[in-house]
Amino acid sequence: MAVRIRMKKMGRTHRPFYRVCAMDQRSPRDGRVIEELGYYDPMCPETDARVLLKSDRVDHWLSVGAQPSDKVAVLIKKYGTEGTHLEQQKAALERLGKRKEYTFVPEPAAPKKPEAPAEEASTEGAPAEEAAATEEAAPEAASE
């Protein structure tokens, strides 16, 4: 049985995702796999974080004669055991991890003051109108 290391397409329409697998050469692209060796996500914003391989298992399959496809051969060269982009991959994975730690917390809205009774409003007509004007300006400033 001839074994190939190639990609199995997963995901949905317009959102591809691939698993790097050891497969029989005669099986269809999305057919039965012998072993899954990693993944490749072309939609990831960090270029060097798109691939994650199980290097020890890839080395095992290469040592027993498995042949990688053209694209997988490039990925193994970059991100395998002796890969040329391993340091950049670690840095990219750290940057992606920091993005998950950040959570947006909206500013709490200013508490509304209870309205003064009508008797007080008539005695302090000018200050009440100024307070109402500042309350209307505050939500506009917060929304911007």
Protein backbone atom coordinates (compact mmCIF):
# COMPACT_ATOMS: atom_id res chain seq x y z
CA MET A 1 0.00 0.00 0.00
CA ALA A 2 1.44 3.37 -1.05
CA VAL A 3 0.95 6.03 1.63
CA ARG A 4 0.74 9.73 0.85
CA ILE A 5 0.77 12.65 3.26
CA ARG A 6 -1.82 15.05 1.88
CA MET A 7 -4.58 17.43 2.86
CA LYS A 8 -8.18 16.51 3.52
CA LYS A 9 -10.60 19.38 2.88
CA MET A 10 -12.96 20.29 5.70
CA GLY A 11 -14.89 23.44 6.61
CA ARG A 12 -17.78 25.03 4.82
CA THR A 13 -18.38 27.06 1.67
CA HIS A 14 -15.96 30.00 1.36
CA ARG A 15 -14.30 28.98 4.64
CA PRO A 16 -11.79 26.21 3.86
CA PHE A 17 -9.94 24.22 6.49
CA TYR A 18 -7.58 21.33 5.82
CA ARG A 19 -6.29 18.42 7.89
CA VAL A 20 -2.87 17.05 7.03
CA CYS A 21 -3.31 13.27 6.95
CA ALA A 22 -1.51 10.06 6.07
CA MET A 23 -3.77 8.33 3.54
CA ASP A 24 -3.74 5.47 1.08
CA GLN A 25 -2.80 6.86 -2.32
CA ARG A 26 -5.90 5.29 -3.94
CA SER A 27 -8.44 6.78 -1.48
CA PRO A 28 -10.45 9.88 -2.43
CA ARG A 29 -9.44 13.33 -1.18
CA ASP A 30 -11.91 13.37 1.71
CA GLY A 31 -11.86 9.61 2.21
CA ARG A 32 -10.65 7.37 5.03
CA VAL A 33 -7.39 8.39 6.68
CA ILE A 34 -4.76 6.30 8.39
CA GLU A 35 -3.64 9.05 10.77
CA GLU A 36 -4.16 12.79 11.17
CA LEU A 37 -0.86 14.65 11.39
CA GLY A 38 -1.92 18.28 11.81
CA TYR A 39 -3.98 21.02 10.21
CA TYR A 40 -3.75 24.00 7.84
CA ASP A 41 -6.15 26.95 8.16
CA PRO A 42 -5.69 29.38 5.23
CA MET A 43 -8.18 31.86 6.75
CA CYS A 44 -6.06 32.55 9.85
CA PRO A 45 -4.96 36.23 9.97
CA GLU A 46 -1.44 35.34 11.18
CA THR A 47 0.37 33.74 8.22
CA ASP A 48 2.84 31.76 10.32
CA ALA A 49 0.13 30.44 12.66
CA ARG A 50 -1.85 28.79 9.85
CA VAL A 51 -0.13 25.40 10.17
CA LEU A 52 0.29 23.09 13.12
CA LEU A 53 1.98 19.73 12.55
CA LYS A 54 2.77 16.76 14.79
CA SER A 55 6.44 16.73 13.81
CA ASP A 56 7.30 13.39 15.39
CA ARG A 57 4.48 11.60 13.54
CA VAL A 58 5.32 13.32 10.23
CA ASP A 59 8.95 12.18 10.65
CA HIS A 60 7.73 8.63 11.36
CA TRP A 61 5.66 8.48 8.17
CA LEU A 62 8.45 9.95 6.08
CA SER A 63 10.88 7.38 7.53
CA VAL A 64 8.65 4.47 6.50
CA GLY A 65 8.34 5.76 2.92
CA ALA A 66 5.24 7.99 2.81
CA GLN A 67 5.39 10.59 0.04
CA PRO A 68 4.09 14.12 0.77
CA SER A 69 2.04 16.03 -1.78
CA ASP A 70 3.58 19.19 -3.23
CA LYS A 71 1.82 21.62 -0.86
CA VAL A 72 2.40 19.42 2.20
CA ALA A 73 6.10 19.14 1.29
CA VAL A 74 6.36 22.94 1.46
CA LEU A 75 4.54 22.99 4.82
CA ILE A 76 6.85 20.29 6.21
CA LYS A 77 9.89 22.22 5.00
CA LYS A 78 8.68 25.37 6.77
CA TYR A 79 7.01 23.98 9.92
CA GLY A 80 8.37 20.43 10.33
CA THR A 81 11.05 19.28 12.78
CA GLU A 82 13.89 21.18 11.08
CA GLY A 83 11.56 23.91 9.78
CA THR A 84 12.75 27.29 8.56
CA HIS A 85 9.80 29.24 10.06
CA LEU A 86 9.51 27.69 13.53
CA GLU A 87 10.51 30.86 15.44
CA GLN A 88 8.08 32.99 13.44
CA GLN A 89 5.37 30.38 14.10
CA LYS A 90 5.89 30.56 17.87
CA ALA A 91 5.73 34.37 17.80
CA ALA A 92 2.54 34.31 15.69
CA LEU A 93 0.87 31.81 18.03
CA GLU A 94 1.70 34.04 21.02
CA ARG A 95 0.17 37.06 19.27
CA LEU A 96 -3.00 35.09 18.55
CA GLY A 97 -3.17 33.97 22.18
CA LYS A 98 -2.99 37.56 23.41
CA ARG A 99 -5.93 38.53 21.19
CA LYS A 100 -8.15 36.10 23.09
CA GLU A 101 -7.21 37.57 26.49
CA TYR A 102 -8.53 41.01 25.55
CA THR A 103 -12.22 41.54 26.15
CA PHE A 104 -14.00 44.79 25.44
CA VAL A 105 -15.83 46.27 28.42
CA PRO A 106 -18.12 49.15 27.51
CA GLU A 107 -18.11 52.21 29.76
CA PRO A 108 -21.09 52.27 32.10
CA ALA A 109 -23.68 54.91 31.27
CA ALA A 110 -23.90 57.86 33.64
CA PRO A 111 -26.71 57.28 36.15
CA LYS A 112 -29.70 59.49 35.52
CA LYS A 113 -30.54 61.95 38.26
CA PRO A 114 -34.10 61.88 39.55
CA GLU A 115 -36.08 64.82 38.27
CA ALA A 116 -36.83 67.58 40.74
CA PRO A 117 -40.47 68.15 41.72
CA ALA A 118 -42.34 70.92 39.84
CA GLU A 119 -42.24 73.30 42.84
CA GLU A 120 -38.42 73.30 42.97
CA ALA A 121 -38.15 73.63 39.20
CA SER A 122 -40.26 76.81 39.23
CA THR A 123 -38.12 78.45 41.92
CA GLU A 124 -34.83 77.46 40.27
CA GLY A 125 -35.80 77.81 36.62
CA ALA A 126 -32.41 78.67 35.12
CA PRO A 127 -30.24 76.02 36.89
CA ALA A 128 -32.77 73.26 36.10
CA GLU A 129 -32.65 74.11 32.39
CA GLU A 130 -28.82 74.06 32.42
CA ALA A 131 -28.80 70.67 34.16
CA ALA A 132 -31.20 69.27 31.56
CA ALA A 133 -28.97 70.56 28.75
CA THR A 134 -25.85 68.92 30.25
CA GLU A 135 -27.70 65.60 30.69
CA GLU A 136 -28.64 65.63 27.01
CA ALA A 137 -25.06 66.43 25.95
CA ALA A 138 -23.53 63.64 28.06
CA PRO A 139 -25.20 60.70 26.19
CA GLU A 140 -24.19 62.23 22.84
CA ALA A 141 -20.56 62.46 23.94
CA ALA A 142 -20.61 58.88 25.27
CA SER A 143 -22.00 57.48 22.00
CA GLU A 144 -19.25 59.11 19.96
